[in-house]
C-alpha atoms as a PDB file:
ATOM      1  CA  UNK A   1     -18.855 -12.918 -22.597  1.00  0.00           C
ATOM      2  CA  UNK A   2     -16.029 -14.817 -23.527  1.00  0.00           C
ATOM      3  CA  UNK A   3     -15.403 -15.188 -27.326  1.00  0.00           C
ATOM      4  CA  UNK A   4     -15.134 -19.027 -27.720  1.00  0.00           C
ATOM      5  CA  UNK A   5     -12.222 -19.874 -29.588  1.00  0.00           C
ATOM      6  CA  UNK A   6      -9.519 -17.362 -28.123  1.00  0.00           C
ATOM      7  CA  UNK A   7     -11.275 -17.447 -24.594  1.00  0.00           C
ATOM      8  CA  UNK A   8     -10.842 -13.504 -24.472  1.00  0.00           C
ATOM      9  CA  UNK A   9     -13.395 -11.008 -22.441  1.00  0.00           C
ATOM     10  CA  UNK A  10     -15.844  -8.960 -24.866  1.00  0.00           C
ATOM     11  CA  UNK A  11     -15.240  -6.680 -21.508  1.00  0.00           C
ATOM     12  CA  UNK A  12     -13.545  -6.680 -17.892  1.00  0.00           C
ATOM     13  CA  UNK A  13     -15.802  -5.831 -14.634  1.00  0.00           C
ATOM     14  CA  UNK A  14     -14.160  -3.816 -12.684  1.00  0.00           C
ATOM     15  CA  UNK A  15     -15.483  -4.093  -8.645  1.00  0.00           C
ATOM     16  CA  UNK A  16     -14.740  -0.917  -7.031  1.00  0.00           C
ATOM     17  CA  UNK A  17     -12.954  -1.836  -3.845  1.00  0.00           C
ATOM     18  CA  UNK A  18     -13.446  -5.019  -2.750  1.00  0.00           C
ATOM     19  CA  UNK A  19     -15.473  -5.581   0.652  1.00  0.00           C
ATOM     20  CA  UNK A  20     -16.042  -1.876   0.668  1.00  0.00           C
ATOM     21  CA  UNK A  21     -18.891  -1.225  -2.063  1.00  0.00           C
ATOM     22  CA  UNK A  22     -21.182  -0.571   0.294  1.00  0.00           C
ATOM     23  CA  UNK A  23     -19.174   2.414   1.282  1.00  0.00           C
ATOM     24  CA  UNK A  24     -18.349   3.805  -2.565  1.00  0.00           C
ATOM     25  CA  UNK A  25     -19.765   7.116  -2.163  1.00  0.00           C
ATOM     26  CA  UNK A  26     -18.086   8.152   1.145  1.00  0.00           C
ATOM     27  CA  UNK A  27     -15.187   6.736  -0.654  1.00  0.00           C
ATOM     28  CA  UNK A  28     -15.486   8.840  -4.042  1.00  0.00           C
ATOM     29  CA  UNK A  29     -16.543  11.915  -2.150  1.00  0.00           C
ATOM     30  CA  UNK A  30     -12.133  13.038  -1.326  1.00  0.00           C
ATOM     31  CA  UNK A  31     -10.911  10.817  -4.635  1.00  0.00           C
ATOM     32  CA  UNK A  32     -13.855  13.295  -6.825  1.00  0.00           C
ATOM     33  CA  UNK A  33     -12.227  16.622  -3.947  1.00  0.00           C
ATOM     34  CA  UNK A  34      -8.334  15.556  -5.316  1.00  0.00           C
ATOM     35  CA  UNK A  35      -9.385  15.178  -8.698  1.00  0.00           C
ATOM     36  CA  UNK A  36     -10.472  18.805  -9.001  1.00  0.00           C
ATOM     37  CA  UNK A  37      -8.036  19.876  -7.112  1.00  0.00           C
ATOM     38  CA  UNK A  38      -5.333  18.127  -9.242  1.00  0.00           C
ATOM     39  CA  UNK A  39      -7.182  19.285 -12.885  1.00  0.00           C
ATOM     40  CA  UNK A  40      -7.250  23.436 -11.619  1.00  0.00           C
ATOM     41  CA  UNK A  41      -4.227  23.705 -10.274  1.00  0.00           C
ATOM     42  CA  UNK A  42      -2.075  21.985 -12.752  1.00  0.00           C
ATOM     43  CA  UNK A  43      -4.193  23.486 -15.229  1.00  0.00           C
ATOM     44  CA  UNK A  44      -3.833  26.612 -14.342  1.00  0.00           C
ATOM     45  CA  UNK A  45       0.348  25.917 -13.429  1.00  0.00           C
ATOM     46  CA  UNK A  46       0.287  25.181 -17.531  1.00  0.00           C
ATOM     47  CA  UNK A  47      -1.876  28.512 -18.317  1.00  0.00           C
ATOM     48  CA  UNK A  48       0.765  30.441 -16.181  1.00  0.00           C
ATOM     49  CA  UNK A  49       3.910  29.199 -17.727  1.00  0.00           C
ATOM     50  CA  UNK A  50       2.496  29.329 -21.406  1.00  0.00           C
ATOM     51  CA  UNK A  51       1.722  33.401 -21.235  1.00  0.00           C
ATOM     52  CA  UNK A  52       4.051  34.712 -18.494  1.00  0.00           C
ATOM     53  CA  UNK A  53       7.430  35.447 -20.274  1.00  0.00           C
ATOM     54  CA  UNK A  54       9.074  35.208 -16.431  1.00  0.00           C
ATOM     55  CA  UNK A  55       8.552  31.797 -16.208  1.00  0.00           C
ATOM     56  CA  UNK A  56       9.703  30.763 -19.343  1.00  0.00           C
ATOM     57  CA  UNK A  57      12.614  29.150 -18.010  1.00  0.00           C
ATOM     58  CA  UNK A  58      14.048  25.604 -18.132  1.00  0.00           C
ATOM     59  CA  UNK A  59      12.725  24.827 -14.828  1.00  0.00           C
ATOM     60  CA  UNK A  60       9.489  26.105 -14.780  1.00  0.00           C
ATOM     61  CA  UNK A  61       9.229  23.914 -18.747  1.00  0.00           C
ATOM     62  CA  UNK A  62      10.282  20.753 -16.700  1.00  0.00           C
ATOM     63  CA  UNK A  63       7.692  21.539 -14.485  1.00  0.00           C
ATOM     64  CA  UNK A  64       4.837  22.427 -17.381  1.00  0.00           C
ATOM     65  CA  UNK A  65       6.125  18.235 -18.560  1.00  0.00           C
ATOM     66  CA  UNK A  66       4.977  16.943 -14.743  1.00  0.00           C
ATOM     67  CA  UNK A  67       1.804  18.861 -14.663  1.00  0.00           C
ATOM     68  CA  UNK A  68       0.813  17.971 -18.297  1.00  0.00           C
ATOM     69  CA  UNK A  69       1.954  14.326 -17.781  1.00  0.00           C
ATOM     70  CA  UNK A  70      -0.449  14.459 -14.152  1.00  0.00           C
ATOM     71  CA  UNK A  71      -2.889  15.790 -15.935  1.00  0.00           C
ATOM     72  CA  UNK A  72      -3.416  12.446 -18.586  1.00  0.00           C
ATOM     73  CA  UNK A  73      -1.756  10.043 -15.629  1.00  0.00           C
ATOM     74  CA  UNK A  74      -5.020  10.962 -13.191  1.00  0.00           C
ATOM     75  CA  UNK A  75      -7.547  11.100 -15.710  1.00  0.00           C
ATOM     76  CA  UNK A  76      -6.745   7.655 -17.388  1.00  0.00           C
ATOM     77  CA  UNK A  77      -8.171   6.360 -13.689  1.00  0.00           C
ATOM     78  CA  UNK A  78     -10.113   8.864 -12.104  1.00  0.00           C
ATOM     79  CA  UNK A  79     -13.411   9.409 -14.351  1.00  0.00           C
ATOM     80  CA  UNK A  80     -14.195   6.509 -14.961  1.00  0.00           C
ATOM     81  CA  UNK A  81     -13.840   4.921 -11.354  1.00  0.00           C
ATOM     82  CA  UNK A  82     -15.985   7.922  -9.997  1.00  0.00           C
ATOM     83  CA  UNK A  83     -18.914   5.959 -12.689  1.00  0.00           C
ATOM     84  CA  UNK A  84     -18.447   2.821 -10.588  1.00  0.00           C
ATOM     85  CA  UNK A  85     -18.405   4.302  -7.732  1.00  0.00           C
ATOM     86  CA  UNK A  86     -21.361   6.914  -8.616  1.00  0.00           C
ATOM     87  CA  UNK A  87     -23.102   4.629 -10.896  1.00  0.00           C
ATOM     88  CA  UNK A  88     -22.776   1.508 -10.252  1.00  0.00           C
ATOM     89  CA  UNK A  89     -21.068   1.014 -14.361  1.00  0.00           C
ATOM     90  CA  UNK A  90     -18.874  -1.755 -13.621  1.00  0.00           C
ATOM     91  CA  UNK A  91     -18.009  -2.951 -16.835  1.00  0.00           C
ATOM     92  CA  UNK A  92     -15.139  -1.677 -19.696  1.00  0.00           C
ATOM     93  CA  UNK A  93     -14.596  -3.287 -22.735  1.00  0.00           C
ATOM     94  CA  UNK A  94     -11.256  -5.551 -23.462  1.00  0.00           C
ATOM     95  CA  UNK A  95     -10.338  -2.805 -25.407  1.00  0.00           C
ATOM     96  CA  UNK A  96     -10.667  -0.435 -23.755  1.00  0.00           C
ATOM     97  CA  UNK A  97      -8.934  -1.749 -20.479  1.00  0.00           C
ATOM     98  CA  UNK A  98      -5.763  -3.056 -22.582  1.00  0.00           C
ATOM     99  CA  UNK A  99      -5.789   1.456 -23.801  1.00  0.00           C
ATOM    100  CA  UNK A 100      -6.484   2.115 -19.705  1.00  0.00           C
ATOM    101  CA  UNK A 101      -3.870   0.403 -19.027  1.00  0.00           C
ATOM    102  CA  UNK A 102      -0.886   1.930 -21.532  1.00  0.00           C
ATOM    103  CA  UNK A 103      -2.072   5.388 -20.721  1.00  0.00           C
ATOM    104  CA  UNK A 104      -1.279   4.556 -16.583  1.00  0.00           C
ATOM    105  CA  UNK A 105       2.209   3.198 -17.158  1.00  0.00           C
ATOM    106  CA  UNK A 106       3.424   4.985 -19.701  1.00  0.00           C
ATOM    107  CA  UNK A 107       2.452   8.374 -17.666  1.00  0.00           C
ATOM    108  CA  UNK A 108       3.536   7.226 -14.667  1.00  0.00           C
ATOM    109  CA  UNK A 109       6.594   6.594 -16.176  1.00  0.00           C
ATOM    110  CA  UNK A 110       6.725   9.717 -17.884  1.00  0.00           C
ATOM    111  CA  UNK A 111       6.306  11.101 -14.669  1.00  0.00           C
ATOM    112  CA  UNK A 112       9.594   9.010 -12.672  1.00  0.00           C
ATOM    113  CA  UNK A 113      11.111  10.516 -15.502  1.00  0.00           C
ATOM    114  CA  UNK A 114       9.979  14.259 -15.011  1.00  0.00           C
ATOM    115  CA  UNK A 115      11.530  13.939 -11.654  1.00  0.00           C
ATOM    116  CA  UNK A 116      13.954  12.527 -12.670  1.00  0.00           C
ATOM    117  CA  UNK A 117      14.783  15.351 -15.462  1.00  0.00           C
ATOM    118  CA  UNK A 118      14.054  17.758 -12.670  1.00  0.00           C
ATOM    119  CA  UNK A 119      16.434  16.762 -10.119  1.00  0.00           C
ATOM    120  CA  UNK A 120      19.553  17.022 -13.547  1.00  0.00           C
ATOM    121  CA  UNK A 121      17.390  20.412 -13.723  1.00  0.00           C
ATOM    122  CA  UNK A 122      18.235  21.441  -9.953  1.00  0.00           C
ATOM    123  CA  UNK A 123      22.408  19.854  -9.976  1.00  0.00           C
ATOM    124  CA  UNK A 124      23.298  22.275 -13.367  1.00  0.00           C
ATOM    125  CA  UNK A 125      21.913  25.398 -11.625  1.00  0.00           C
ATOM    126  CA  UNK A 126      23.558  24.290  -8.231  1.00  0.00           C
ATOM    127  CA  UNK A 127      26.634  23.129  -9.728  1.00  0.00           C
ATOM    128  CA  UNK A 128      26.798  25.514 -12.909  1.00  0.00           C
ATOM    129  CA  UNK A 129      25.020  28.827 -12.831  1.00  0.00           C
ATOM    130  CA  UNK A 130      26.667  30.398 -14.743  1.00  0.00           C
ATOM    131  CA  UNK A 131      26.582  27.805 -17.982  1.00  0.00           C
ATOM    132  CA  UNK A 132      22.712  27.270 -16.516  1.00  0.00           C
ATOM    133  CA  UNK A 133      21.524  28.703 -19.707  1.00  0.00           C
ATOM    134  CA  UNK A 134      23.745  27.190 -22.888  1.00  0.00           C
ATOM    135  CA  UNK A 135      23.646  23.888 -20.970  1.00  0.00           C
ATOM    136  CA  UNK A 136      19.690  23.336 -20.646  1.00  0.00           C
ATOM    137  CA  UNK A 137      18.701  25.030 -24.167  1.00  0.00           C
ATOM    138  CA  UNK A 138      14.993  24.750 -25.641  1.00  0.00           C
ATOM    139  CA  UNK A 139      15.613  22.057 -28.265  1.00  0.00           C
ATOM    140  CA  UNK A 140      17.780  19.894 -24.858  1.00  0.00           C
ATOM    141  CA  UNK A 141      14.709  20.340 -23.068  1.00  0.00           C
ATOM    142  CA  UNK A 142      12.236  19.420 -25.473  1.00  0.00           C
ATOM    143  CA  UNK A 143      14.875  16.115 -26.464  1.00  0.00           C
ATOM    144  CA  UNK A 144      14.775  15.145 -23.088  1.00  0.00           C
ATOM    145  CA  UNK A 145      10.888  15.211 -22.652  1.00  0.00           C
ATOM    146  CA  UNK A 146      10.931  13.518 -26.034  1.00  0.00           C
ATOM    147  CA  UNK A 147      13.529  10.650 -25.452  1.00  0.00           C
ATOM    148  CA  UNK A 148      11.610  10.628 -21.640  1.00  0.00           C
ATOM    149  CA  UNK A 149       7.796  10.188 -23.007  1.00  0.00           C
ATOM    150  CA  UNK A 150       9.407   7.570 -25.946  1.00  0.00           C
ATOM    151  CA  UNK A 151      10.772   5.124 -23.215  1.00  0.00           C
ATOM    152  CA  UNK A 152       7.611   5.158 -20.884  1.00  0.00           C
ATOM    153  CA  UNK A 153       5.786   4.348 -24.697  1.00  0.00           C
ATOM    154  CA  UNK A 154       8.539   1.504 -25.358  1.00  0.00           C
ATOM    155  CA  UNK A 155       8.709  -0.317 -22.510  1.00  0.00           C
ATOM    156  CA  UNK A 156       5.248   0.284 -21.500  1.00  0.00           C
ATOM    157  CA  UNK A 157       3.500  -1.061 -25.362  1.00  0.00           C
ATOM    158  CA  UNK A 158       4.668  -4.484 -24.607  1.00  0.00           C
ATOM    159  CA  UNK A 159       2.623  -4.657 -21.397  1.00  0.00           C
ATOM    160  CA  UNK A 160      -0.450  -4.812 -24.065  1.00  0.00           C
ATOM    161  CA  UNK A 161       0.414  -7.962 -26.007  1.00  0.00           C
ATOM    162  CA  UNK A 162       0.992 -10.025 -23.585  1.00  0.00           C
ATOM    163  CA  UNK A 163      -2.148  -9.128 -21.706  1.00  0.00           C
ATOM    164  CA  UNK A 164      -3.760  -9.532 -24.111  1.00  0.00           C
ATOM    165  CA  UNK A 165      -2.280 -12.751 -25.300  1.00  0.00           C
ATOM    166  CA  UNK A 166      -3.145 -14.969 -21.832  1.00  0.00           C
ATOM    167  CA  UNK A 167      -6.409 -16.914 -21.617  1.00  0.00           C
ATOM    168  CA  UNK A 168      -9.179 -15.956 -19.389  1.00  0.00           C
ATOM    169  CA  UNK A 169     -11.489 -19.114 -18.962  1.00  0.00           C
ATOM    170  CA  UNK A 170     -11.632 -17.892 -15.092  1.00  0.00           C
ATOM    171  CA  UNK A 171     -13.737 -14.907 -15.546  1.00  0.00           C
ATOM    172  CA  UNK A 172     -14.073 -11.828 -16.159  1.00  0.00           C
ATOM    173  CA  UNK A 173     -14.609  -9.736 -13.068  1.00  0.00           C
ATOM    174  CA  UNK A 174     -11.258  -7.519 -11.831  1.00  0.00           C
ATOM    175  CA  UNK A 175     -11.475  -6.552  -7.909  1.00  0.00           C
ATOM    176  CA  UNK A 176      -9.705  -2.988  -8.963  1.00  0.00           C
ATOM    177  CA  UNK A 177     -11.444   0.554  -9.748  1.00  0.00           C
ATOM    178  CA  UNK A 178      -9.371   0.101 -12.988  1.00  0.00           C
ATOM    179  CA  UNK A 179      -6.874  -2.003 -15.278  1.00  0.00           C
ATOM    180  CA  UNK A 180      -3.911  -2.095 -13.623  1.00  0.00           C
ATOM    181  CA  UNK A 181      -0.789  -5.064 -15.535  1.00  0.00           C
ATOM    182  CA  UNK A 182      -1.258  -7.132 -12.995  1.00  0.00           C
ATOM    183  CA  UNK A 183      -4.389  -7.672 -11.759  1.00  0.00           C
ATOM    184  CA  UNK A 184      -5.211  -7.938 -15.058  1.00  0.00           C
ATOM    185  CA  UNK A 185      -3.224 -10.845 -15.600  1.00  0.00           C
ATOM    186  CA  UNK A 186      -4.137 -12.397 -12.348  1.00  0.00           C
ATOM    187  CA  UNK A 187      -7.444 -13.325 -12.998  1.00  0.00           C
ATOM    188  CA  UNK A 188      -6.088 -14.928 -16.173  1.00  0.00           C
ATOM    189  CA  UNK A 189      -5.659 -18.743 -16.548  1.00  0.00           C
ATOM    190  CA  UNK A 190      -2.671 -18.688 -18.621  1.00  0.00           C
ATOM    191  CA  UNK A 191       1.060 -18.650 -17.065  1.00  0.00           C
ATOM    192  CA  UNK A 192       1.625 -15.313 -16.151  1.00  0.00           C
ATOM    193  CA  UNK A 193       5.502 -16.002 -15.153  1.00  0.00           C
ATOM    194  CA  UNK A 194       6.204 -13.820 -18.411  1.00  0.00           C
ATOM    195  CA  UNK A 195       4.077 -10.670 -17.061  1.00  0.00           C
ATOM    196  CA  UNK A 196       5.939 -10.380 -13.665  1.00  0.00           C
ATOM    197  CA  UNK A 197       8.490 -10.896 -15.210  1.00  0.00           C
ATOM    198  CA  UNK A 198       8.177  -7.890 -17.227  1.00  0.00           C
ATOM    199  CA  UNK A 199       6.666  -5.797 -15.631  1.00  0.00           C
ATOM    200  CA  UNK A 200       9.543  -5.888 -12.801  1.00  0.00           C
ATOM    201  CA  UNK A 201      12.348  -5.273 -15.242  1.00  0.00           C
ATOM    202  CA  UNK A 202      10.756  -1.833 -16.398  1.00  0.00           C
ATOM    203  CA  UNK A 203       9.726  -0.509 -12.773  1.00  0.00           C
ATOM    204  CA  UNK A 204      13.450  -1.647 -12.251  1.00  0.00           C
ATOM    205  CA  UNK A 205      14.320   0.118 -15.961  1.00  0.00           C
ATOM    206  CA  UNK A 206      12.625   3.259 -15.491  1.00  0.00           C
ATOM    207  CA  UNK A 207      11.666   3.807 -10.942  1.00  0.00           C
ATOM    208  CA  UNK A 208      15.430   2.431 -10.346  1.00  0.00           C
ATOM    209  CA  UNK A 209      17.042   4.280 -12.884  1.00  0.00           C
ATOM    210  CA  UNK A 210      15.212   7.518 -12.501  1.00  0.00           C
ATOM    211  CA  UNK A 211      15.866   6.886  -8.358  1.00  0.00           C
ATOM    212  CA  UNK A 212      19.561   6.864  -9.160  1.00  0.00           C
ATOM    213  CA  UNK A 213      19.727   9.622 -10.765  1.00  0.00           C
ATOM    214  CA  UNK A 214      17.953  11.708  -8.682  1.00  0.00           C
ATOM    215  CA  UNK A 215      20.414  10.317  -5.659  1.00  0.00           C
ATOM    216  CA  UNK A 216      23.176  10.751  -7.902  1.00  0.00           C
ATOM    217  CA  UNK A 217      22.180  15.016  -8.348  1.00  0.00           C
ATOM    218  CA  UNK A 218      21.170  15.719  -5.024  1.00  0.00           C
ATOM    219  CA  UNK A 219      24.608  13.784  -3.559  1.00  0.00           C
ATOM    220  CA  UNK A 220      26.263  16.629  -6.245  1.00  0.00           C
ATOM    221  CA  UNK A 221      24.422  19.098  -4.944  1.00  0.00           C
ATOM    222  CA  UNK A 222      24.683  18.974  -1.539  1.00  0.00           C
ATOM    223  CA  UNK A 223      28.785  19.016  -2.211  1.00  0.00           C
ATOM    224  CA  UNK A 224      28.563  22.055  -4.033  1.00  0.00           C
ATOM    225  CA  UNK A 225      26.046  23.138  -0.892  1.00  0.00           C
ATOM    226  CA  UNK A 226      28.074  22.428   1.825  1.00  0.00           C
ATOM    227  CA  UNK A 227      31.012  24.529  -0.371  1.00  0.00           C
ATOM    228  CA  UNK A 228      29.456  27.651  -0.389  1.00  0.00           C
ATOM    229  CA  UNK A 229      30.719  29.944   2.395  1.00  0.00           C
ATOM    230  CA  UNK A 230      27.705  31.772   3.051  1.00  0.00           C
ATOM    231  CA  UNK A 231      24.874  30.562   5.138  1.00  0.00           C
ATOM    232  CA  UNK A 232      22.507  32.764   2.962  1.00  0.00           C
ATOM    233  CA  UNK A 233      24.027  31.535   0.139  1.00  0.00           C
ATOM    234  CA  UNK A 234      23.305  27.534   1.519  1.00  0.00           C
ATOM    235  CA  UNK A 235      19.845  27.986   2.438  1.00  0.00           C
ATOM    236  CA  UNK A 236      18.302  29.669  -0.682  1.00  0.00           C
ATOM    237  CA  UNK A 237      20.428  27.088  -3.098  1.00  0.00           C
ATOM    238  CA  UNK A 238      18.605  23.922  -0.641  1.00  0.00           C
ATOM    239  CA  UNK A 239      14.929  26.305  -1.417  1.00  0.00           C
ATOM    240  CA  UNK A 240      15.545  26.118  -4.670  1.00  0.00           C
ATOM    241  CA  UNK A 241      15.169  22.262  -4.666  1.00  0.00           C
ATOM    242  CA  UNK A 242      12.821  22.417  -1.247  1.00  0.00           C
ATOM    243  CA  UNK A 243       9.421  21.583  -3.335  1.00  0.00           C
ATOM    244  CA  UNK A 244      10.963  19.443  -6.787  1.00  0.00           C
ATOM    245  CA  UNK A 245      12.074  17.238  -3.028  1.00  0.00           C
ATOM    246  CA  UNK A 246       7.908  17.180  -2.268  1.00  0.00           C
ATOM    247  CA  UNK A 247       7.411  16.185  -5.464  1.00  0.00           C
ATOM    248  CA  UNK A 248       9.677  13.102  -5.125  1.00  0.00           C
ATOM    249  CA  UNK A 249       8.367  12.033  -1.691  1.00  0.00           C
ATOM    250  CA  UNK A 250       4.457  12.163  -2.345  1.00  0.00           C
ATOM    251  CA  UNK A 251       5.417  10.632  -5.584  1.00  0.00           C
ATOM    252  CA  UNK A 252       7.572   7.565  -4.478  1.00  0.00           C
ATOM    253  CA  UNK A 253       6.528   6.971  -1.595  1.00  0.00           C
ATOM    254  CA  UNK A 254       2.374   5.373  -2.701  1.00  0.00           C
ATOM    255  CA  UNK A 255       4.489   3.839  -5.407  1.00  0.00           C
ATOM    256  CA  UNK A 256       6.878   2.012  -3.313  1.00  0.00           C
ATOM    257  CA  UNK A 257       4.239   1.219  -1.029  1.00  0.00           C
ATOM    258  CA  UNK A 258       1.723  -0.653  -3.867  1.00  0.00           C
ATOM    259  CA  UNK A 259       4.358  -1.720  -5.502  1.00  0.00           C
ATOM    260  CA  UNK A 260       5.884  -4.065  -3.257  1.00  0.00           C
ATOM    261  CA  UNK A 261       2.337  -5.069  -1.418  1.00  0.00           C
ATOM    262  CA  UNK A 262       1.249  -6.046  -4.658  1.00  0.00           C
ATOM    263  CA  UNK A 263       3.978  -8.315  -5.209  1.00  0.00           C
ATOM    264  CA  UNK A 264       5.390  -8.786  -1.162  1.00  0.00           C
ATOM    265  CA  UNK A 265       2.159  -8.652   0.989  1.00  0.00           C
ATOM    266  CA  UNK A 266       0.450 -11.435   0.714  1.00  0.00           C
ATOM    267  CA  UNK A 267      -2.162 -11.826   2.878  1.00  0.00           C
ATOM    268  CA  UNK A 268      -0.985  -9.803   5.219  1.00  0.00           C
ATOM    269  CA  UNK A 269      -3.025  -6.586   4.004  1.00  0.00           C
ATOM    270  CA  UNK A 270      -6.226  -6.192   3.102  1.00  0.00           C
ATOM    271  CA  UNK A 271      -6.999  -5.598  -0.545  1.00  0.00           C
ATOM    272  CA  UNK A 272      -9.294  -2.925   0.540  1.00  0.00           C
ATOM    273  CA  UNK A 273      -6.072  -0.912   1.194  1.00  0.00           C
ATOM    274  CA  UNK A 274      -4.595  -1.927  -1.158  1.00  0.00           C
ATOM    275  CA  UNK A 275      -6.287  -0.863  -4.153  1.00  0.00           C
ATOM    276  CA  UNK A 276      -6.996   2.474  -2.274  1.00  0.00           C
ATOM    277  CA  UNK A 277      -3.494   2.855  -2.031  1.00  0.00           C
ATOM    278  CA  UNK A 278      -3.113   2.243  -5.845  1.00  0.00           C
ATOM    279  CA  UNK A 279      -5.730   5.044  -6.206  1.00  0.00           C
ATOM    280  CA  UNK A 280      -4.225   7.557  -4.592  1.00  0.00           C
ATOM    281  CA  UNK A 281      -0.774   6.509  -5.866  1.00  0.00           C
ATOM    282  CA  UNK A 282      -2.478   7.925  -8.930  1.00  0.00           C
ATOM    283  CA  UNK A 283      -4.228  11.209  -7.796  1.00  0.00           C
ATOM    284  CA  UNK A 284      -2.044  12.412  -4.577  1.00  0.00           C
ATOM    285  CA  UNK A 285       1.296  13.477  -6.898  1.00  0.00           C
ATOM    286  CA  UNK A 286      -1.162  15.644  -8.996  1.00  0.00           C
ATOM    287  CA  UNK A 287      -2.965  17.170  -6.343  1.00  0.00           C
ATOM    288  CA  UNK A 288      -0.390  17.757  -4.335  1.00  0.00           C
ATOM    289  CA  UNK A 289       2.613  18.963  -6.739  1.00  0.00           C
ATOM    290  CA  UNK A 290       0.748  22.192  -7.695  1.00  0.00           C
ATOM    291  CA  UNK A 291      -0.006  23.349  -4.513  1.00  0.00           C
ATOM    292  CA  UNK A 292       3.636  22.538  -3.914  1.00  0.00           C
ATOM    293  CA  UNK A 293       5.243  24.399  -6.117  1.00  0.00           C
ATOM    294  CA  UNK A 294       2.008  27.263  -6.107  1.00  0.00           C
ATOM    295  CA  UNK A 295       3.386  28.402  -2.092  1.00  0.00           C
ATOM    296  CA  UNK A 296       7.059  27.313  -2.610  1.00  0.00           C
ATOM    297  CA  UNK A 297       8.268  29.010  -5.692  1.00  0.00           C
ATOM    298  CA  UNK A 298       8.560  32.830  -5.210  1.00  0.00           C
ATOM    299  CA  UNK A 299       7.792  33.794  -8.567  1.00  0.00           C
ATOM    300  CA  UNK A 300       5.033  31.149  -9.290  1.00  0.00           C
ATOM    301  CA  UNK A 301       3.340  32.491  -6.258  1.00  0.00           C
ATOM    302  CA  UNK A 302       4.044  36.745  -7.479  1.00  0.00           C
ATOM    303  CA  UNK A 303       2.610  35.674 -10.806  1.00  0.00           C
ATOM    304  CA  UNK A 304      -0.459  33.957  -8.879  1.00  0.00           C
ATOM    305  CA  UNK A 305      -1.240  36.722  -7.148  1.00  0.00           C
ATOM    306  CA  UNK A 306      -0.778  39.274 -10.013  1.00  0.00           C
ATOM    307  CA  UNK A 307      -3.315  37.201 -12.292  1.00  0.00           C
ATOM    308  CA  UNK A 308      -6.187  37.262  -9.824  1.00  0.00           C
ATOM    309  CA  UNK A 309      -5.225  40.876  -8.339  1.00  0.00           C
ATOM    310  CA  UNK A 310      -6.271  42.238 -11.839  1.00  0.00           C
ATOM    311  CA  UNK A 311      -4.386  44.908 -14.466  1.00  0.00           C
ATOM    312  CA  UNK A 312      -3.036  47.780 -12.565  1.00  0.00           C
ATOM    313  CA  UNK A 313      -4.593  51.415 -13.476  1.00  0.00           C
ATOM    314  CA  UNK A 314      -2.288  52.570 -15.255  1.00  0.00           C
ATOM    315  CA  UNK A 315      -4.342  56.360 -15.602  1.00  0.00           C
ATOM    316  CA  UNK A 316      -2.795  56.854 -11.869  1.00  0.00           C
ATOM    317  CA  UNK A 317       0.883  56.022 -14.092  1.00  0.00           C
ATOM    318  CA  UNK A 318      -0.412  59.046 -16.861  1.00  0.00           C
ATOM    319  CA  UNK A 319      -0.465  55.837 -19.653  1.00  0.00           C
END
């Protein structure tokens, strides 16, 4: 149903994975499993960081930001995606679609920003270890997180207005599982050049800037580590960065694939593969980040073991 004066649809139809509608149930199984792991893992990390005083340090505060961002990022899409896969409920209100679009792009930008802040944290920890606590104070961390969030909000808000102004006289069926900016814009019969140019500009301002800062940080880290005289010290310094490097790979690899295929893939890549990768792009980082940090970070691993082993028997100590 379309408003005849403004050509604005009352709702959109999210058509799921094009060409694979008969396999929606099977596709939903790994997606649902990843979502459960992501929610349990990230909420568990937030709980541990909140109540373990030994983890009240800058590195873990940034990790808490990353976990919170991951929870919002995958929750903004997957429940609705599973609704399509399981119950064939494909309609989404026009304003709800714009709201979903805002949350998706804001928190993917937030994810990139937090990874950049974590790279800067590793740079300070390795290059200025004696000044680490004085440089990264709680107020600096809070302000950095707030600025990263506001950057995403300010840059993403125009997406909703640019999309809302478009006329939708070609229909309201979106060949996707969620309301991505360009997927919605492409079904319009209006001129979407402004949307495409602004989307590319935002990708450069957020992703390009963050990748540049991460690259500079790790270049300085590498230079500092190479100068260390002890092999054990070099190994320990690199070890503190392993989990973060894995998080970068899990976040940016599917993001780059989805971004470039969406704009330059044309008919070379099946649209169904693009939609699946677009979902993995939002699910893989939240799923893998708590696993990687739980395995690679000794302090978190010890806290998890202590949490599940329960309180010690204090009677044997005479307390």
